């Protein structure tokens, strides 16, 4: 069973359960209306030693920031403001003292910078390595919520930053080059929280999610949720160092992927540049048809073996 096959299996088993107002499985967060035109959102994510990080290549302060950032990114992907988190950690012998203090210091530093409170969690021992689980809580206007399922045929597809640096950094770390600029990017991801809230307030933005597993996988999730296809112009992908495979397949960039009405594309890009001082990259368009990506290079369709990260 694949990672997403397991998720779909769980969703089927709970399809008839009373969700008490919460949205069903399928987006970066689940959302609950709380009155006054507002919603709260919940998301959770895990980091496991040996899968998501190598302890001897990542300072505990860096991992504390990363554990928080990857969850704040999911809230941002919904167009909402993160407000609080819950943190649970499983620690093996030797990590419960100085390492744990450094981890919490990093987590606290980013929490204070983002204005996010730590409001609970759990701690336990581990026999085989460090495991970290974060629950992030967001809040905002119901009308600002962006979902994967909202892409429209004809929409322009954008990414809100360059892609591939994290994948190149992981390759450096695995090769023993732990002090490169790309390795630093991999260990210190930045959630686009301000950008997510800004996009939430833009009515021309339809669907949105964050790029955690790579453009090839994450865009396909959006297409399946929205029952449509996409054309991506390979030459417009903002690939760091020109490495398109790293940009498309690498994952852990945590940049926002979004679609917007075609008539508003120019204004959206202009206003984004004015607000954030950098480019919003248009990489393709949503098309009718089956959920698949047509990769276009120099006007012709190509068929590369590109797919993002998969756990199973």
Protein backbone atom coordinates (compact mmCIF):
# COMPACT_ATOMS: atom_id res chain seq x y z
CA UNK A 1 0.00 0.00 0.00
CA UNK A 2 1.36 3.42 -0.95
CA UNK A 3 1.40 6.39 1.42
CA UNK A 4 -1.63 7.94 -0.27
CA UNK A 5 -3.34 4.59 -0.67
CA UNK A 6 -3.20 4.27 3.11
CA UNK A 7 -4.66 7.77 3.50
CA UNK A 8 -7.47 6.96 1.04
CA UNK A 9 -8.19 3.69 2.88
CA UNK A 10 -8.52 5.57 6.18
CA UNK A 11 -10.75 8.19 4.52
CA UNK A 12 -13.10 5.47 3.24
CA UNK A 13 -13.37 3.87 6.70
CA UNK A 14 -14.35 7.21 8.22
CA UNK A 15 -16.54 8.46 5.37
CA UNK A 16 -19.76 7.94 7.37
CA UNK A 17 -18.42 9.23 10.70
CA UNK A 18 -19.91 12.36 12.26
CA UNK A 19 -17.15 14.98 11.87
CA UNK A 20 -18.99 17.52 14.09
CA UNK A 21 -18.40 20.29 11.57
CA UNK A 22 -14.81 19.47 10.65
CA UNK A 23 -13.97 19.04 6.97
CA UNK A 24 -13.05 15.59 5.68
CA UNK A 25 -9.54 14.32 4.97
CA UNK A 26 -8.00 15.73 1.80
CA UNK A 27 -6.42 19.14 2.31
CA UNK A 28 -3.37 20.64 4.01
CA UNK A 29 -5.58 21.33 7.05
CA UNK A 30 -9.02 20.38 8.24
CA UNK A 31 -11.25 23.40 8.85
CA UNK A 32 -14.05 24.12 11.34
CA UNK A 33 -16.39 27.15 11.23
CA UNK A 34 -16.45 28.92 14.61
CA UNK A 35 -18.98 31.69 13.94
CA UNK A 36 -18.64 35.32 13.01
CA UNK A 37 -17.45 34.37 9.56
CA UNK A 38 -14.28 32.78 10.92
CA UNK A 39 -12.77 29.30 10.88
CA UNK A 40 -10.05 27.47 12.74
CA UNK A 41 -7.79 24.96 11.01
CA UNK A 42 -5.77 22.01 12.28
CA UNK A 43 -2.87 20.15 10.70
CA UNK A 44 -0.22 17.73 11.94
CA UNK A 45 3.10 16.51 10.65
CA UNK A 46 5.90 14.25 11.87
CA UNK A 47 9.69 14.30 11.63
CA UNK A 48 11.48 10.99 12.24
CA UNK A 49 15.20 10.54 12.71
CA UNK A 50 16.78 8.75 9.75
CA UNK A 51 13.85 9.62 7.47
CA UNK A 52 13.50 13.41 7.73
CA UNK A 53 16.79 14.33 9.39
CA UNK A 54 20.19 13.03 10.44
CA UNK A 55 20.97 13.97 14.02
CA UNK A 56 24.72 14.31 13.46
CA UNK A 57 24.16 16.65 10.49
CA UNK A 58 21.49 18.92 12.01
CA UNK A 59 21.82 21.08 15.10
CA UNK A 60 18.93 20.66 17.56
CA UNK A 61 18.08 24.36 17.28
CA UNK A 62 17.77 23.98 13.50
CA UNK A 63 15.54 20.94 13.87
CA UNK A 64 13.34 22.79 16.35
CA UNK A 65 12.78 25.54 13.80
CA UNK A 66 12.24 23.05 10.97
CA UNK A 67 9.70 20.98 12.92
CA UNK A 68 7.62 24.12 13.42
CA UNK A 69 8.14 25.61 9.95
CA UNK A 70 6.87 22.58 8.03
CA UNK A 71 3.61 22.70 9.99
CA UNK A 72 3.16 26.46 9.71
CA UNK A 73 3.55 25.96 5.96
CA UNK A 74 0.42 23.78 5.89
CA UNK A 75 -1.61 26.50 7.64
CA UNK A 76 -0.25 29.12 5.23
CA UNK A 77 -1.29 26.88 2.33
CA UNK A 78 -4.91 27.28 3.46
CA UNK A 79 -4.65 31.09 3.37
CA UNK A 80 -4.87 31.33 7.17
CA UNK A 81 -2.78 32.74 10.00
CA UNK A 82 -1.09 30.22 12.32
CA UNK A 83 -1.79 31.04 15.97
CA UNK A 84 -0.75 28.09 18.17
CA UNK A 85 0.85 24.64 18.21
CA UNK A 86 1.01 21.42 20.18
CA UNK A 87 4.38 19.64 20.32
CA UNK A 88 5.09 15.96 21.11
CA UNK A 89 8.56 14.42 21.15
CA UNK A 90 9.93 10.91 21.67
CA UNK A 91 13.56 11.03 22.86
CA UNK A 92 16.12 8.24 23.17
CA UNK A 93 18.67 8.05 25.97
CA UNK A 94 21.22 10.83 25.64
CA UNK A 95 18.91 13.29 23.91
CA UNK A 96 16.73 14.21 26.86
CA UNK A 97 19.01 16.90 28.30
CA UNK A 98 21.20 19.24 26.22
CA UNK A 99 19.81 18.14 22.85
CA UNK A 100 16.23 18.60 24.00
CA UNK A 101 16.97 22.06 25.40
CA UNK A 102 18.54 23.14 22.12
CA UNK A 103 15.56 21.78 20.18
CA UNK A 104 13.06 23.71 22.32
CA UNK A 105 15.16 26.87 22.01
CA UNK A 106 14.98 26.66 18.22
CA UNK A 107 11.26 25.89 18.32
CA UNK A 108 10.71 28.85 20.66
CA UNK A 109 12.77 31.25 18.53
CA UNK A 110 10.66 30.64 15.41
CA UNK A 111 7.42 30.55 17.42
CA UNK A 112 8.13 34.01 18.79
CA UNK A 113 9.14 35.31 15.36
CA UNK A 114 5.86 34.02 13.86
CA UNK A 115 3.68 35.02 16.83
CA UNK A 116 2.63 31.43 17.50
CA UNK A 117 2.03 30.09 21.03
CA UNK A 118 2.93 26.62 22.26
CA UNK A 119 -0.19 25.46 24.14
CA UNK A 120 0.41 21.77 24.91
CA UNK A 121 1.86 18.45 23.81
CA UNK A 122 3.49 15.30 25.14
CA UNK A 123 6.89 13.75 25.82
CA UNK A 124 7.92 10.11 25.92
CA UNK A 125 11.01 7.92 25.65
CA UNK A 126 12.16 6.15 22.50
CA UNK A 127 14.24 3.04 21.94
CA UNK A 128 15.29 3.79 18.36
CA UNK A 129 15.69 7.50 17.66
CA UNK A 130 13.98 10.84 17.85
CA UNK A 131 10.40 11.33 16.66
CA UNK A 132 8.68 14.72 16.61
CA UNK A 133 5.01 15.48 16.03
CA UNK A 134 3.54 18.96 15.77
CA UNK A 135 -0.10 20.02 15.59
CA UNK A 136 -0.51 23.53 14.16
CA UNK A 137 -3.64 25.63 14.63
CA UNK A 138 -4.67 28.42 12.28
CA UNK A 139 -7.44 30.97 12.25
CA UNK A 140 -8.92 33.40 9.75
CA UNK A 141 -11.88 34.47 7.65
CA UNK A 142 -13.92 31.65 6.16
CA UNK A 143 -13.87 33.42 2.81
CA UNK A 144 -10.07 33.36 2.76
CA UNK A 145 -9.71 29.58 2.94
CA UNK A 146 -7.93 28.11 -0.09
CA UNK A 147 -8.36 24.43 -0.94
CA UNK A 148 -6.65 21.99 -3.28
CA UNK A 149 -9.98 21.22 -4.90
CA UNK A 150 -10.68 24.76 -6.17
CA UNK A 151 -8.60 24.88 -9.37
CA UNK A 152 -10.58 25.99 -12.44
CA UNK A 153 -9.96 25.13 -16.08
CA UNK A 154 -8.04 28.02 -17.59
CA UNK A 155 -6.40 29.07 -14.34
CA UNK A 156 -2.75 30.06 -14.40
CA UNK A 157 -0.42 27.99 -12.18
CA UNK A 158 2.13 29.80 -10.01
CA UNK A 159 4.87 28.93 -7.53
CA UNK A 160 5.88 31.54 -4.95
CA UNK A 161 9.63 31.00 -5.03
CA UNK A 162 12.55 29.09 -6.47
CA UNK A 163 12.54 25.30 -6.21
CA UNK A 164 15.17 22.62 -5.69
CA UNK A 165 17.54 24.13 -3.12
CA UNK A 166 16.41 21.75 -0.39
CA UNK A 167 16.91 18.67 -2.57
CA UNK A 168 20.37 19.85 -3.54
CA UNK A 169 21.09 20.47 0.14
CA UNK A 170 20.02 16.96 1.09
CA UNK A 171 22.30 15.57 -1.59
CA UNK A 172 25.16 17.60 -0.13
CA UNK A 173 24.45 16.36 3.39
CA UNK A 174 24.28 12.72 2.30
CA UNK A 175 27.62 13.20 0.51
CA UNK A 176 29.20 14.58 3.68
CA UNK A 177 29.17 18.21 2.53
CA UNK A 178 27.26 19.55 5.53
CA UNK A 179 28.37 23.20 5.38
CA UNK A 180 27.19 24.22 1.89
CA UNK A 181 24.60 26.96 1.27
CA UNK A 182 22.15 24.36 -0.05
CA UNK A 183 22.62 22.19 3.05
CA UNK A 184 21.75 25.25 5.15
CA UNK A 185 18.54 25.74 3.14
CA UNK A 186 17.58 22.09 3.68
CA UNK A 187 18.08 22.36 7.44
CA UNK A 188 16.33 25.75 7.74
CA UNK A 189 13.13 25.81 5.67
CA UNK A 190 10.99 28.95 5.78
CA UNK A 191 7.20 28.76 5.85
CA UNK A 192 5.55 31.36 3.61
CA UNK A 193 3.12 32.43 6.30
CA UNK A 194 2.81 36.10 5.30
CA UNK A 195 2.43 35.10 1.66
CA UNK A 196 -0.25 32.54 2.53
CA UNK A 197 -2.33 35.08 4.44
CA UNK A 198 -1.90 37.57 1.59
CA UNK A 199 -3.03 35.02 -1.01
CA UNK A 200 -5.96 34.16 1.26
CA UNK A 201 -7.24 37.69 0.85
CA UNK A 202 -7.00 37.59 -2.94
CA UNK A 203 -10.24 36.41 -4.49
CA UNK A 204 -8.60 35.65 -7.83
CA UNK A 205 -6.51 32.92 -6.16
CA UNK A 206 -8.49 29.68 -6.35
CA UNK A 207 -6.54 26.57 -5.27
CA UNK A 208 -3.44 26.49 -3.09
CA UNK A 209 -1.13 24.05 -1.28
CA UNK A 210 2.50 23.92 -0.21
CA UNK A 211 5.28 22.07 -1.99
CA UNK A 212 6.51 19.46 0.48
CA UNK A 213 6.94 16.38 -1.75
CA UNK A 214 7.89 18.09 -5.03
CA UNK A 215 6.00 19.81 -7.83
CA UNK A 216 5.49 16.55 -9.75
CA UNK A 217 3.64 14.94 -6.83
CA UNK A 218 2.00 17.91 -5.17
CA UNK A 219 0.51 19.39 -8.33
CA UNK A 220 -0.93 15.97 -9.12
CA UNK A 221 -2.66 15.94 -5.71
CA UNK A 222 -4.24 19.29 -6.58
CA UNK A 223 -5.33 18.02 -10.00
CA UNK A 224 -6.95 14.93 -8.54
CA UNK A 225 -8.80 17.01 -5.95
CA UNK A 226 -9.96 19.45 -8.63
CA UNK A 227 -10.70 16.84 -11.35
CA UNK A 228 -8.62 18.55 -14.02
CA UNK A 229 -5.26 18.42 -15.77
CA UNK A 230 -2.31 20.77 -16.15
CA UNK A 231 0.28 21.90 -18.67
CA UNK A 232 3.63 22.92 -17.23
CA UNK A 233 6.17 24.84 -19.32
CA UNK A 234 9.45 23.29 -18.17
CA UNK A 235 11.40 26.34 -19.26
CA UNK A 236 9.53 28.57 -16.78
CA UNK A 237 10.16 26.42 -13.69
CA UNK A 238 12.32 28.49 -11.29
CA UNK A 239 14.91 25.75 -10.76
CA UNK A 240 17.80 26.61 -8.45
CA UNK A 241 21.08 26.12 -10.26
CA UNK A 242 19.17 25.10 -13.37
CA UNK A 243 18.52 21.64 -11.91
CA UNK A 244 14.97 20.98 -13.10
CA UNK A 245 14.84 17.42 -11.72
CA UNK A 246 15.69 18.68 -8.22
CA UNK A 247 13.08 21.42 -8.57
CA UNK A 248 10.34 19.06 -9.74
CA UNK A 249 11.10 15.91 -7.75
CA UNK A 250 13.10 16.95 -4.70
CA UNK A 251 10.51 18.19 -2.23
CA UNK A 252 10.82 20.06 1.07
CA UNK A 253 10.89 23.47 -0.62
CA UNK A 254 7.73 24.59 1.25
CA UNK A 255 6.95 27.21 -1.37
CA UNK A 256 3.30 27.85 -2.14
CA UNK A 257 1.72 26.37 -5.27
CA UNK A 258 -1.44 28.14 -6.43
CA UNK A 259 -3.81 28.70 -9.30
CA UNK A 260 -5.43 32.01 -10.20
CA UNK A 261 -7.92 33.38 -12.68
CA UNK A 262 -6.12 34.08 -16.00
CA UNK A 263 -7.48 37.61 -16.35
CA UNK A 264 -5.93 38.54 -12.98
CA UNK A 265 -2.55 36.87 -13.48
CA UNK A 266 -0.61 39.99 -14.45
CA UNK A 267 -2.01 42.08 -11.60
CA UNK A 268 -1.44 39.29 -9.09
CA UNK A 269 2.22 38.98 -10.10
CA UNK A 270 2.69 42.75 -10.03
CA UNK A 271 1.09 43.12 -6.61
CA UNK A 272 3.06 40.18 -5.19
CA UNK A 273 6.32 41.76 -6.36
CA UNK A 274 5.31 45.08 -4.81
CA UNK A 275 4.38 43.45 -1.49
CA UNK A 276 7.22 40.92 -1.11
CA UNK A 277 9.99 42.28 -3.31
CA UNK A 278 10.45 39.14 -5.42
CA UNK A 279 8.89 37.22 -8.26
CA UNK A 280 5.76 35.10 -8.39
CA UNK A 281 6.56 32.52 -11.05
CA UNK A 282 3.93 31.48 -13.59
CA UNK A 283 4.75 27.93 -14.69
CA UNK A 284 1.68 26.65 -16.52
CA UNK A 285 -2.07 26.45 -16.72
CA UNK A 286 -4.98 24.24 -15.68
CA UNK A 287 -6.62 22.33 -18.52
CA UNK A 288 -9.69 20.15 -18.83
CA UNK A 289 -9.28 16.40 -18.76
CA UNK A 290 -7.91 13.65 -16.58
CA UNK A 291 -5.68 14.51 -13.61
CA UNK A 292 -2.29 14.40 -15.28
CA UNK A 293 0.58 16.77 -15.94
CA UNK A 294 1.63 17.52 -19.50
CA UNK A 295 5.26 18.64 -19.40
CA UNK A 296 5.93 21.04 -22.29
CA UNK A 297 9.46 21.91 -23.43
CA UNK A 298 10.04 24.26 -26.37
CA UNK A 299 6.43 23.81 -27.45
CA UNK A 300 6.42 19.99 -27.49
CA UNK A 301 5.24 17.52 -24.88
CA UNK A 302 7.97 15.47 -23.22
CA UNK A 303 7.61 12.38 -21.06
CA UNK A 304 10.20 12.47 -18.28
CA UNK A 305 10.17 10.02 -15.39
CA UNK A 306 9.48 12.69 -12.79
CA UNK A 307 7.76 12.07 -9.49
CA UNK A 308 8.12 13.52 -6.02
CA UNK A 309 9.02 11.92 -2.72
CA UNK A 310 6.98 8.92 -1.58
CA UNK A 311 7.31 7.35 1.89
CA UNK A 312 6.08 3.89 0.88
